[in-house]
Amino acid sequence: MKTLTTNSIKSLLLLSAISISNIACADGEEITDPITHGEKTHNNHCYKCHTDDVYKRDNRFVKSIDALSQQVVRCKDGNNVPWFDEDTDAVVQFLNKKYYRF
């Protein structure tokens, strides 16, 4: 059984809280379904640099929900993407559900 770190637990709690609440995001819409919002946000911004293959490769370095969240933030910040934290968290939720399953 895996041991959860304090940061892992905090990340999971944050993702859970976001998934059950309606939150405004960077494009002004209200987030009622974070997974759908994350997919839309990912498609609008992330596909400019890479495709799904980056998430499916055997040697991917993202091995936890914390690492996934940190990588999304690095990409967002490195490309000056104007997301609110809620947008970033929605993308993390989408990627986790579709590819990683942490």
PDB file of N, CA and C in Angstrom:
ATOM      1  N   MET A   1       0.835  -1.177   0.000  1.00  0.00           N
ATOM      2  CA  MET A   1       0.000   0.000   0.000  1.00  0.00           C
ATOM      3  C   MET A   1       0.882   1.245   0.000  1.00  0.00           C
ATOM      4  N   LYS A   2       0.517   2.230  -0.798  1.00  0.00           N
ATOM      5  CA  LYS A   2       1.289   3.467  -0.885  1.00  0.00           C
ATOM      6  C   LYS A   2       1.012   4.348   0.321  1.00  0.00           C
ATOM      7  N   THR A   3       2.042   5.039   0.775  1.00  0.00           N
ATOM      8  CA  THR A   3       1.903   5.995   1.854  1.00  0.00           C
ATOM      9  C   THR A   3       1.704   7.368   1.241  1.00  0.00           C
ATOM     10  N   LEU A   4       0.667   8.051   1.661  1.00  0.00           N
ATOM     11  CA  LEU A   4       0.396   9.389   1.153  1.00  0.00           C
ATOM     12  C   LEU A   4       1.175  10.419   1.968  1.00  0.00           C
ATOM     13  N   THR A   5       1.817  11.336   1.278  1.00  0.00           N
ATOM     14  CA  THR A   5       2.500  12.430   1.954  1.00  0.00           C
ATOM     15  C   THR A   5       1.489  13.513   2.294  1.00  0.00           C
ATOM     16  N   THR A   6       1.889  14.415   3.137  1.00  0.00           N
ATOM     17  CA  THR A   6       1.015  15.536   3.493  1.00  0.00           C
ATOM     18  C   THR A   6       0.633  16.328   2.256  1.00  0.00           C
ATOM     19  N   ASN A   7       1.590  16.571   1.348  1.00  0.00           N
ATOM     20  CA  ASN A   7       1.293  17.313   0.120  1.00  0.00           C
ATOM     21  C   ASN A   7       0.323  16.542  -0.770  1.00  0.00           C
ATOM     22  N   SER A   8       0.458  15.219  -0.828  1.00  0.00           N
ATOM     23  CA  SER A   8      -0.456  14.409  -1.624  1.00  0.00           C
ATOM     24  C   SER A   8      -1.879  14.518  -1.086  1.00  0.00           C
ATOM     25  N   ILE A   9      -1.997  14.448   0.210  1.00  0.00           N
ATOM     26  CA  ILE A   9      -3.318  14.543   0.838  1.00  0.00           C
ATOM     27  C   ILE A   9      -3.920  15.921   0.582  1.00  0.00           C
ATOM     28  N   LYS A  10      -3.105  16.971   0.717  1.00  0.00           N
ATOM     29  CA  LYS A  10      -3.594  18.327   0.460  1.00  0.00           C
ATOM     30  C   LYS A  10      -4.046  18.463  -0.992  1.00  0.00           C
ATOM     31  N   SER A  11      -3.264  17.911  -1.918  1.00  0.00           N
ATOM     32  CA  SER A  11      -3.630  17.985  -3.340  1.00  0.00           C
ATOM     33  C   SER A  11      -4.942  17.270  -3.598  1.00  0.00           C
ATOM     34  N   LEU A  12      -5.099  16.096  -3.020  1.00  0.00           N
ATOM     35  CA  LEU A  12      -6.334  15.342  -3.208  1.00  0.00           C
ATOM     36  C   LEU A  12      -7.530  16.074  -2.621  1.00  0.00           C
ATOM     37  N   LEU A  13      -7.355  16.663  -1.461  1.00  0.00           N
ATOM     38  CA  LEU A  13      -8.443  17.431  -0.857  1.00  0.00           C
ATOM     39  C   LEU A  13      -8.798  18.638  -1.707  1.00  0.00           C
ATOM     40  N   LEU A  14      -7.795  19.320  -2.231  1.00  0.00           N
ATOM     41  CA  LEU A  14      -8.042  20.475  -3.092  1.00  0.00           C
ATOM     42  C   LEU A  14      -8.791  20.052  -4.345  1.00  0.00           C
ATOM     43  N   LEU A  15      -8.347  18.978  -4.974  1.00  0.00           N
ATOM     44  CA  LEU A  15      -9.017  18.505  -6.185  1.00  0.00           C
ATOM     45  C   LEU A  15     -10.457  18.101  -5.886  1.00  0.00           C
ATOM     46  N   SER A  16     -10.671  17.474  -4.747  1.00  0.00           N
ATOM     47  CA  SER A  16     -12.031  17.082  -4.364  1.00  0.00           C
ATOM     48  C   SER A  16     -12.913  18.301  -4.135  1.00  0.00           C
ATOM     49  N   ALA A  17     -12.371  19.294  -3.455  1.00  0.00           N
ATOM     50  CA  ALA A  17     -13.155  20.505  -3.188  1.00  0.00           C
ATOM     51  C   ALA A  17     -13.517  21.207  -4.476  1.00  0.00           C
ATOM     52  N   ILE A  18     -12.597  21.261  -5.399  1.00  0.00           N
ATOM     53  CA  ILE A  18     -12.870  21.932  -6.667  1.00  0.00           C
ATOM     54  C   ILE A  18     -13.909  21.167  -7.466  1.00  0.00           C
ATOM     55  N   SER A  19     -13.856  19.854  -7.401  1.00  0.00           N
ATOM     56  CA  SER A  19     -14.766  19.062  -8.218  1.00  0.00           C
ATOM     57  C   SER A  19     -16.219  19.174  -7.765  1.00  0.00           C
ATOM     58  N   ILE A  20     -16.451  19.591  -6.531  1.00  0.00           N
ATOM     59  CA  ILE A  20     -17.827  19.673  -6.064  1.00  0.00           C
ATOM     60  C   ILE A  20     -18.352  21.103  -5.962  1.00  0.00           C
ATOM     61  N   SER A  21     -17.569  22.054  -6.392  1.00  0.00           N
ATOM     62  CA  SER A  21     -18.013  23.437  -6.286  1.00  0.00           C
ATOM     63  C   SER A  21     -18.072  24.101  -7.652  1.00  0.00           C
ATOM     64  N   ASN A  22     -18.845  25.163  -7.730  1.00  0.00           N
ATOM     65  CA  ASN A  22     -18.916  25.968  -8.942  1.00  0.00           C
ATOM     66  C   ASN A  22     -17.984  27.156  -8.767  1.00  0.00           C
ATOM     67  N   ILE A  23     -16.997  27.246  -9.646  1.00  0.00           N
ATOM     68  CA  ILE A  23     -15.954  28.242  -9.490  1.00  0.00           C
ATOM     69  C   ILE A  23     -15.775  28.991 -10.801  1.00  0.00           C
ATOM     70  N   ALA A  24     -15.558  30.289 -10.719  1.00  0.00           N
ATOM     71  CA  ALA A  24     -15.259  31.076 -11.916  1.00  0.00           C
ATOM     72  C   ALA A  24     -13.832  30.787 -12.347  1.00  0.00           C
ATOM     73  N   CYS A  25     -13.599  30.882 -13.651  1.00  0.00           N
ATOM     74  CA  CYS A  25     -12.271  30.596 -14.180  1.00  0.00           C
ATOM     75  C   CYS A  25     -11.796  31.755 -15.046  1.00  0.00           C
ATOM     76  N   ALA A  26     -10.617  31.603 -15.648  1.00  0.00           N
ATOM     77  CA  ALA A  26      -9.970  32.690 -16.380  1.00  0.00           C
ATOM     78  C   ALA A  26     -10.800  33.211 -17.544  1.00  0.00           C
ATOM     79  N   ASP A  27     -11.554  32.343 -18.203  1.00  0.00           N
ATOM     80  CA  ASP A  27     -12.337  32.822 -19.343  1.00  0.00           C
ATOM     81  C   ASP A  27     -13.711  33.347 -18.934  1.00  0.00           C
ATOM     82  N   GLY A  28     -13.954  33.475 -17.626  1.00  0.00           N
ATOM     83  CA  GLY A  28     -15.165  34.092 -17.127  1.00  0.00           C
ATOM     84  C   GLY A  28     -16.340  33.150 -16.947  1.00  0.00           C
ATOM     85  N   GLU A  29     -16.210  31.928 -17.427  1.00  0.00           N
ATOM     86  CA  GLU A  29     -17.320  30.991 -17.249  1.00  0.00           C
ATOM     87  C   GLU A  29     -17.243  30.363 -15.867  1.00  0.00           C
ATOM     88  N   GLU A  30     -18.330  29.763 -15.462  1.00  0.00           N
ATOM     89  CA  GLU A  30     -18.372  29.097 -14.175  1.00  0.00           C
ATOM     90  C   GLU A  30     -18.014  27.633 -14.379  1.00  0.00           C
ATOM     91  N   ILE A  31     -17.147  27.095 -13.534  1.00  0.00           N
ATOM     92  CA  ILE A  31     -16.754  25.696 -13.655  1.00  0.00           C
ATOM     93  C   ILE A  31     -17.763  24.850 -12.883  1.00  0.00           C
ATOM     94  N   THR A  32     -18.557  24.118 -13.619  1.00  0.00           N
ATOM     95  CA  THR A  32     -19.495  23.201 -12.973  1.00  0.00           C
ATOM     96  C   THR A  32     -19.028  21.758 -13.119  1.00  0.00           C
ATOM     97  N   ASP A  33     -18.205  21.503 -14.126  1.00  0.00           N
ATOM     98  CA  ASP A  33     -17.630  20.179 -14.347  1.00  0.00           C
ATOM     99  C   ASP A  33     -16.133  20.360 -14.597  1.00  0.00           C
ATOM    100  N   PRO A  34     -15.310  20.179 -13.566  1.00  0.00           N
ATOM    101  CA  PRO A  34     -13.882  20.442 -13.709  1.00  0.00           C
ATOM    102  C   PRO A  34     -13.201  19.576 -14.772  1.00  0.00           C
ATOM    103  N   ILE A  35     -13.634  18.347 -14.950  1.00  0.00           N
ATOM    104  CA  ILE A  35     -13.004  17.473 -15.935  1.00  0.00           C
ATOM    105  C   ILE A  35     -13.244  18.018 -17.345  1.00  0.00           C
ATOM    106  N   THR A  36     -14.460  18.395 -17.639  1.00  0.00           N
ATOM    107  CA  THR A  36     -14.786  18.963 -18.951  1.00  0.00           C
ATOM    108  C   THR A  36     -14.057  20.285 -19.153  1.00  0.00           C
ATOM    109  N   HIS A  37     -14.060  21.104 -18.115  1.00  0.00           N
ATOM    110  CA  HIS A  37     -13.340  22.389 -18.203  1.00  0.00           C
ATOM    111  C   HIS A  37     -11.844  22.152 -18.400  1.00  0.00           C
ATOM    112  N   GLY A  38     -11.284  21.200 -17.677  1.00  0.00           N
ATOM    113  CA  GLY A  38      -9.871  20.877 -17.816  1.00  0.00           C
ATOM    114  C   GLY A  38      -9.533  20.381 -19.212  1.00  0.00           C
ATOM    115  N   GLU A  39     -10.404  19.567 -19.777  1.00  0.00           N
ATOM    116  CA  GLU A  39     -10.180  19.071 -21.142  1.00  0.00           C
ATOM    117  C   GLU A  39     -10.208  20.222 -22.148  1.00  0.00           C
ATOM    118  N   LYS A  40     -11.196  21.097 -22.019  1.00  0.00           N
ATOM    119  CA  LYS A  40     -11.308  22.250 -22.917  1.00  0.00           C
ATOM    120  C   LYS A  40     -10.089  23.165 -22.776  1.00  0.00           C
ATOM    121  N   THR A  41      -9.700  23.423 -21.559  1.00  0.00           N
ATOM    122  CA  THR A  41      -8.553  24.292 -21.291  1.00  0.00           C
ATOM    123  C   THR A  41      -7.272  23.658 -21.831  1.00  0.00           C
ATOM    124  N   HIS A  42      -7.118  22.380 -21.600  1.00  0.00           N
ATOM    125  CA  HIS A  42      -5.958  21.641 -22.112  1.00  0.00           C
ATOM    126  C   HIS A  42      -5.922  21.696 -23.636  1.00  0.00           C
ATOM    127  N   ASN A  43      -7.051  21.453 -24.264  1.00  0.00           N
ATOM    128  CA  ASN A  43      -7.102  21.470 -25.729  1.00  0.00           C
ATOM    129  C   ASN A  43      -6.767  22.850 -26.292  1.00  0.00           C
ATOM    130  N   ASN A  44      -7.197  23.893 -25.607  1.00  0.00           N
ATOM    131  CA  ASN A  44      -6.954  25.257 -26.084  1.00  0.00           C
ATOM    132  C   ASN A  44      -5.515  25.720 -25.895  1.00  0.00           C
ATOM    133  N   HIS A  45      -4.807  25.151 -24.942  1.00  0.00           N
ATOM    134  CA  HIS A  45      -3.480  25.661 -24.619  1.00  0.00           C
ATOM    135  C   HIS A  45      -2.363  24.624 -24.760  1.00  0.00           C
ATOM    136  N   CYS A  46      -2.572  23.433 -24.275  1.00  0.00           N
ATOM    137  CA  CYS A  46      -1.478  22.460 -24.155  1.00  0.00           C
ATOM    138  C   CYS A  46      -1.132  21.782 -25.471  1.00  0.00           C
ATOM    139  N   TYR A  47      -2.125  21.591 -26.332  1.00  0.00           N
ATOM    140  CA  TYR A  47      -1.862  20.927 -27.608  1.00  0.00           C
ATOM    141  C   TYR A  47      -1.001  21.780 -28.540  1.00  0.00           C
ATOM    142  N   LYS A  48      -0.788  23.026 -28.179  1.00  0.00           N
ATOM    143  CA  LYS A  48       0.085  23.873 -28.989  1.00  0.00           C
ATOM    144  C   LYS A  48       1.528  23.365 -28.940  1.00  0.00           C
ATOM    145  N   CYS A  49       1.895  22.685 -27.856  1.00  0.00           N
ATOM    146  CA  CYS A  49       3.266  22.196 -27.692  1.00  0.00           C
ATOM    147  C   CYS A  49       3.407  20.690 -27.864  1.00  0.00           C
ATOM    148  N   HIS A  50       2.399  19.931 -27.478  1.00  0.00           N
ATOM    149  CA  HIS A  50       2.518  18.477 -27.563  1.00  0.00           C
ATOM    150  C   HIS A  50       1.158  17.809 -27.662  1.00  0.00           C
ATOM    151  N   THR A  51       1.195  16.532 -28.013  1.00  0.00           N
ATOM    152  CA  THR A  51      -0.026  15.739 -28.184  1.00  0.00           C
ATOM    153  C   THR A  51      -0.168  14.764 -27.022  1.00  0.00           C
ATOM    154  N   ASP A  52      -1.148  13.895 -27.114  1.00  0.00           N
ATOM    155  CA  ASP A  52      -1.387  12.891 -26.083  1.00  0.00           C
ATOM    156  C   ASP A  52      -0.188  11.971 -25.860  1.00  0.00           C
ATOM    157  N   ASP A  53       0.663  11.837 -26.868  1.00  0.00           N
ATOM    158  CA  ASP A  53       1.800  10.919 -26.760  1.00  0.00           C
ATOM    159  C   ASP A  53       2.702  11.230 -25.570  1.00  0.00           C
ATOM    160  N   VAL A  54       2.804  12.489 -25.197  1.00  0.00           N
ATOM    161  CA  VAL A  54       3.664  12.856 -24.075  1.00  0.00           C
ATOM    162  C   VAL A  54       3.171  12.223 -22.770  1.00  0.00           C
ATOM    163  N   TYR A  55       1.889  11.983 -22.654  1.00  0.00           N
ATOM    164  CA  TYR A  55       1.320  11.394 -21.440  1.00  0.00           C
ATOM    165  C   TYR A  55       1.369   9.871 -21.473  1.00  0.00           C
ATOM    166  N   LYS A  56       1.491   9.304 -22.637  1.00  0.00           N
ATOM    167  CA  LYS A  56       1.440   7.847 -22.800  1.00  0.00           C
ATOM    168  C   LYS A  56       2.808   7.188 -22.900  1.00  0.00           C
ATOM    169  N   ARG A  57       3.862   7.973 -22.993  1.00  0.00           N
ATOM    170  CA  ARG A  57       5.191   7.386 -23.187  1.00  0.00           C
ATOM    171  C   ARG A  57       5.613   6.571 -21.962  1.00  0.00           C
ATOM    172  N   ASP A  58       6.430   5.572 -22.214  1.00  0.00           N
ATOM    173  CA  ASP A  58       6.880   4.667 -21.155  1.00  0.00           C
ATOM    174  C   ASP A  58       7.782   5.346 -20.133  1.00  0.00           C
ATOM    175  N   ASN A  59       8.563   6.298 -20.552  1.00  0.00           N
ATOM    176  CA  ASN A  59       9.537   6.930 -19.663  1.00  0.00           C
ATOM    177  C   ASN A  59       9.063   8.257 -19.079  1.00  0.00           C
ATOM    178  N   ARG A  60       7.762   8.423 -18.905  1.00  0.00           N
ATOM    179  CA  ARG A  60       7.275   9.688 -18.352  1.00  0.00           C
ATOM    180  C   ARG A  60       7.764   9.862 -16.916  1.00  0.00           C
ATOM    181  N   PHE A  61       8.059  11.097 -16.553  1.00  0.00           N
ATOM    182  CA  PHE A  61       8.617  11.357 -15.227  1.00  0.00           C
ATOM    183  C   PHE A  61       7.567  11.764 -14.206  1.00  0.00           C
ATOM    184  N   VAL A  62       6.332  11.956 -14.618  1.00  0.00           N
ATOM    185  CA  VAL A  62       5.256  12.282 -13.686  1.00  0.00           C
ATOM    186  C   VAL A  62       4.777  10.977 -13.064  1.00  0.00           C
ATOM    187  N   LYS A  63       5.013  10.832 -11.762  1.00  0.00           N
ATOM    188  CA  LYS A  63       4.712   9.577 -11.091  1.00  0.00           C
ATOM    189  C   LYS A  63       3.808   9.751  -9.861  1.00  0.00           C
ATOM    190  N   SER A  64       3.254  10.956  -9.695  1.00  0.00           N
ATOM    191  CA  SER A  64       2.350  11.201  -8.573  1.00  0.00           C
ATOM    192  C   SER A  64       1.449  12.389  -8.921  1.00  0.00           C
ATOM    193  N   ILE A  65       0.394  12.548  -8.168  1.00  0.00           N
ATOM    194  CA  ILE A  65      -0.512  13.672  -8.384  1.00  0.00           C
ATOM    195  C   ILE A  65       0.218  14.986  -8.104  1.00  0.00           C
ATOM    196  N   ASP A  66       1.123  14.985  -7.133  1.00  0.00           N
ATOM    197  CA  ASP A  66       1.898  16.191  -6.841  1.00  0.00           C
ATOM    198  C   ASP A  66       2.803  16.554  -8.021  1.00  0.00           C
ATOM    199  N   ALA A  67       3.477  15.547  -8.576  1.00  0.00           N
ATOM    200  CA  ALA A  67       4.362  15.799  -9.720  1.00  0.00           C
ATOM    201  C   ALA A  67       3.563  16.279 -10.928  1.00  0.00           C
ATOM    202  N   LEU A  68       2.364  15.729 -11.120  1.00  0.00           N
ATOM    203  CA  LEU A  68       1.502  16.163 -12.220  1.00  0.00           C
ATOM    204  C   LEU A  68       1.105  17.622 -12.033  1.00  0.00           C
ATOM    205  N   SER A  69       0.687  17.969 -10.844  1.00  0.00           N
ATOM    206  CA  SER A  69       0.298  19.346 -10.551  1.00  0.00           C
ATOM    207  C   SER A  69       1.476  20.295 -10.764  1.00  0.00           C
ATOM    208  N   GLN A  70       2.647  19.913 -10.300  1.00  0.00           N
ATOM    209  CA  GLN A  70       3.832  20.750 -10.467  1.00  0.00           C
ATOM    210  C   GLN A  70       4.193  20.912 -11.943  1.00  0.00           C
ATOM    211  N   GLN A  71       4.047  19.852 -12.727  1.00  0.00           N
ATOM    212  CA  GLN A  71       4.375  19.933 -14.148  1.00  0.00           C
ATOM    213  C   GLN A  71       3.395  20.844 -14.890  1.00  0.00           C
ATOM    214  N   VAL A  72       2.125  20.747 -14.561  1.00  0.00           N
ATOM    215  CA  VAL A  72       1.133  21.621 -15.200  1.00  0.00           C
ATOM    216  C   VAL A  72       1.444  23.081 -14.867  1.00  0.00           C
ATOM    217  N   VAL A  73       1.798  23.348 -13.629  1.00  0.00           N
ATOM    218  CA  VAL A  73       2.156  24.715 -13.228  1.00  0.00           C
ATOM    219  C   VAL A  73       3.407  25.177 -13.974  1.00  0.00           C
ATOM    220  N   ARG A  74       4.422  24.295 -14.097  1.00  0.00           N
ATOM    221  CA  ARG A  74       5.641  24.668 -14.837  1.00  0.00           C
ATOM    222  C   ARG A  74       5.316  25.022 -16.280  1.00  0.00           C
ATOM    223  N   CYS A  75       4.484  24.209 -16.923  1.00  0.00           N
ATOM    224  CA  CYS A  75       4.111  24.481 -18.314  1.00  0.00           C
ATOM    225  C   CYS A  75       3.332  25.795 -18.419  1.00  0.00           C
ATOM    226  N   LYS A  76       2.384  25.979 -17.514  1.00  0.00           N
ATOM    227  CA  LYS A  76       1.571  27.201 -17.502  1.00  0.00           C
ATOM    228  C   LYS A  76       2.455  28.427 -17.324  1.00  0.00           C
ATOM    229  N   ASP A  77       3.307  28.388 -16.325  1.00  0.00           N
ATOM    230  CA  ASP A  77       4.167  29.532 -16.033  1.00  0.00           C
ATOM    231  C   ASP A  77       5.195  29.759 -17.141  1.00  0.00           C
ATOM    232  N   GLY A  78       5.752  28.678 -17.667  1.00  0.00           N
ATOM    233  CA  GLY A  78       6.757  28.785 -18.711  1.00  0.00           C
ATOM    234  C   GLY A  78       6.228  29.347 -20.014  1.00  0.00           C
ATOM    235  N   ASN A  79       4.922  29.209 -20.225  1.00  0.00           N
ATOM    236  CA  ASN A  79       4.294  29.712 -21.444  1.00  0.00           C
ATOM    237  C   ASN A  79       3.415  30.924 -21.192  1.00  0.00           C
ATOM    238  N   ASN A  80       3.488  31.469 -19.974  1.00  0.00           N
ATOM    239  CA  ASN A  80       2.696  32.647 -19.592  1.00  0.00           C
ATOM    240  C   ASN A  80       1.216  32.486 -19.901  1.00  0.00           C
ATOM    241  N   VAL A  81       0.679  31.318 -19.578  1.00  0.00           N
ATOM    242  CA  VAL A  81      -0.742  31.054 -19.800  1.00  0.00           C
ATOM    243  C   VAL A  81      -1.524  31.705 -18.659  1.00  0.00           C
ATOM    244  N   PRO A  82      -2.521  32.524 -18.977  1.00  0.00           N
ATOM    245  CA  PRO A  82      -3.232  33.295 -17.949  1.00  0.00           C
ATOM    246  C   PRO A  82      -4.361  32.516 -17.262  1.00  0.00           C
ATOM    247  N   TRP A  83      -4.008  31.446 -16.577  1.00  0.00           N
ATOM    248  CA  TRP A  83      -5.009  30.643 -15.871  1.00  0.00           C
ATOM    249  C   TRP A  83      -5.092  31.045 -14.411  1.00  0.00           C
ATOM    250  N   PHE A  84      -6.293  30.929 -13.865  1.00  0.00           N
ATOM    251  CA  PHE A  84      -6.478  30.981 -12.427  1.00  0.00           C
ATOM    252  C   PHE A  84      -6.073  29.619 -11.870  1.00  0.00           C
ATOM    253  N   ASP A  85      -5.896  29.532 -10.569  1.00  0.00           N
ATOM    254  CA  ASP A  85      -5.572  28.250  -9.941  1.00  0.00           C
ATOM    255  C   ASP A  85      -6.630  27.199 -10.256  1.00  0.00           C
ATOM    256  N   GLU A  86      -7.884  27.640 -10.359  1.00  0.00           N
ATOM    257  CA  GLU A  86      -8.977  26.708 -10.648  1.00  0.00           C
ATOM    258  C   GLU A  86      -8.836  26.102 -12.045  1.00  0.00           C
ATOM    259  N   ASP A  87      -8.350  26.884 -13.002  1.00  0.00           N
ATOM    260  CA  ASP A  87      -8.115  26.369 -14.347  1.00  0.00           C
ATOM    261  C   ASP A  87      -7.005  25.320 -14.320  1.00  0.00           C
ATOM    262  N   THR A  88      -5.932  25.644 -13.617  1.00  0.00           N
ATOM    263  CA  THR A  88      -4.802  24.727 -13.494  1.00  0.00           C
ATOM    264  C   THR A  88      -5.247  23.426 -12.835  1.00  0.00           C
ATOM    265  N   ASP A  89      -5.998  23.523 -11.760  1.00  0.00           N
ATOM    266  CA  ASP A  89      -6.469  22.332 -11.057  1.00  0.00           C
ATOM    267  C   ASP A  89      -7.397  21.497 -11.934  1.00  0.00           C
ATOM    268  N   ALA A  90      -8.211  22.156 -12.753  1.00  0.00           N
ATOM    269  CA  ALA A  90      -9.104  21.428 -13.658  1.00  0.00           C
ATOM    270  C   ALA A  90      -8.296  20.649 -14.696  1.00  0.00           C
ATOM    271  N   VAL A  91      -7.218  21.232 -15.202  1.00  0.00           N
ATOM    272  CA  VAL A  91      -6.354  20.537 -16.160  1.00  0.00           C
ATOM    273  C   VAL A  91      -5.702  19.334 -15.479  1.00  0.00           C
ATOM    274  N   VAL A  92      -5.246  19.507 -14.254  1.00  0.00           N
ATOM    275  CA  VAL A  92      -4.656  18.395 -13.503  1.00  0.00           C
ATOM    276  C   VAL A  92      -5.688  17.280 -13.337  1.00  0.00           C
ATOM    277  N   GLN A  93      -6.905  17.630 -12.977  1.00  0.00           N
ATOM    278  CA  GLN A  93      -7.958  16.616 -12.809  1.00  0.00           C
ATOM    279  C   GLN A  93      -8.232  15.882 -14.118  1.00  0.00           C
ATOM    280  N   PHE A  94      -8.312  16.639 -15.214  1.00  0.00           N
ATOM    281  CA  PHE A  94      -8.547  16.031 -16.530  1.00  0.00           C
ATOM    282  C   PHE A  94      -7.422  15.067 -16.887  1.00  0.00           C
ATOM    283  N   LEU A  95      -6.175  15.513 -16.776  1.00  0.00           N
ATOM    284  CA  LEU A  95      -5.037  14.663 -17.134  1.00  0.00           C
ATOM    285  C   LEU A  95      -4.968  13.433 -16.242  1.00  0.00           C
ATOM    286  N   ASN A  96      -5.253  13.613 -14.969  1.00  0.00           N
ATOM    287  CA  ASN A  96      -5.226  12.473 -14.057  1.00  0.00           C
ATOM    288  C   ASN A  96      -6.298  11.452 -14.417  1.00  0.00           C
ATOM    289  N   LYS A  97      -7.477  11.926 -14.715  1.00  0.00           N
ATOM    290  CA  LYS A  97      -8.561  11.000 -15.053  1.00  0.00           C
ATOM    291  C   LYS A  97      -8.295  10.294 -16.384  1.00  0.00           C
ATOM    292  N   LYS A  98      -7.815  11.021 -17.365  1.00  0.00           N
ATOM    293  CA  LYS A  98      -7.647  10.445 -18.704  1.00  0.00           C
ATOM    294  C   LYS A  98      -6.394   9.582 -18.837  1.00  0.00           C
ATOM    295  N   TYR A  99      -5.297   9.986 -18.201  1.00  0.00           N
ATOM    296  CA  TYR A  99      -4.022   9.308 -18.442  1.00  0.00           C
ATOM    297  C   TYR A  99      -3.371   8.679 -17.226  1.00  0.00           C
ATOM    298  N   TYR A 100      -3.319   9.390 -16.120  1.00  0.00           N
ATOM    299  CA  TYR A 100      -2.458   8.971 -15.020  1.00  0.00           C
ATOM    300  C   TYR A 100      -3.124   8.076 -13.997  1.00  0.00           C
ATOM    301  N   ARG A 101      -4.307   8.429 -13.564  1.00  0.00           N
ATOM    302  CA  ARG A 101      -5.080   7.629 -12.599  1.00  0.00           C
ATOM    303  C   ARG A 101      -4.369   7.414 -11.253  1.00  0.00           C
ATOM    304  N   PHE A 102      -3.895   8.529 -10.676  1.00  0.00           N
ATOM    305  CA  PHE A 102      -3.244   8.456  -9.362  1.00  0.00           C
ATOM    306  C   PHE A 102      -4.280   8.337  -8.277  1.00  0.00           C
TER     307      PHE A 102
END
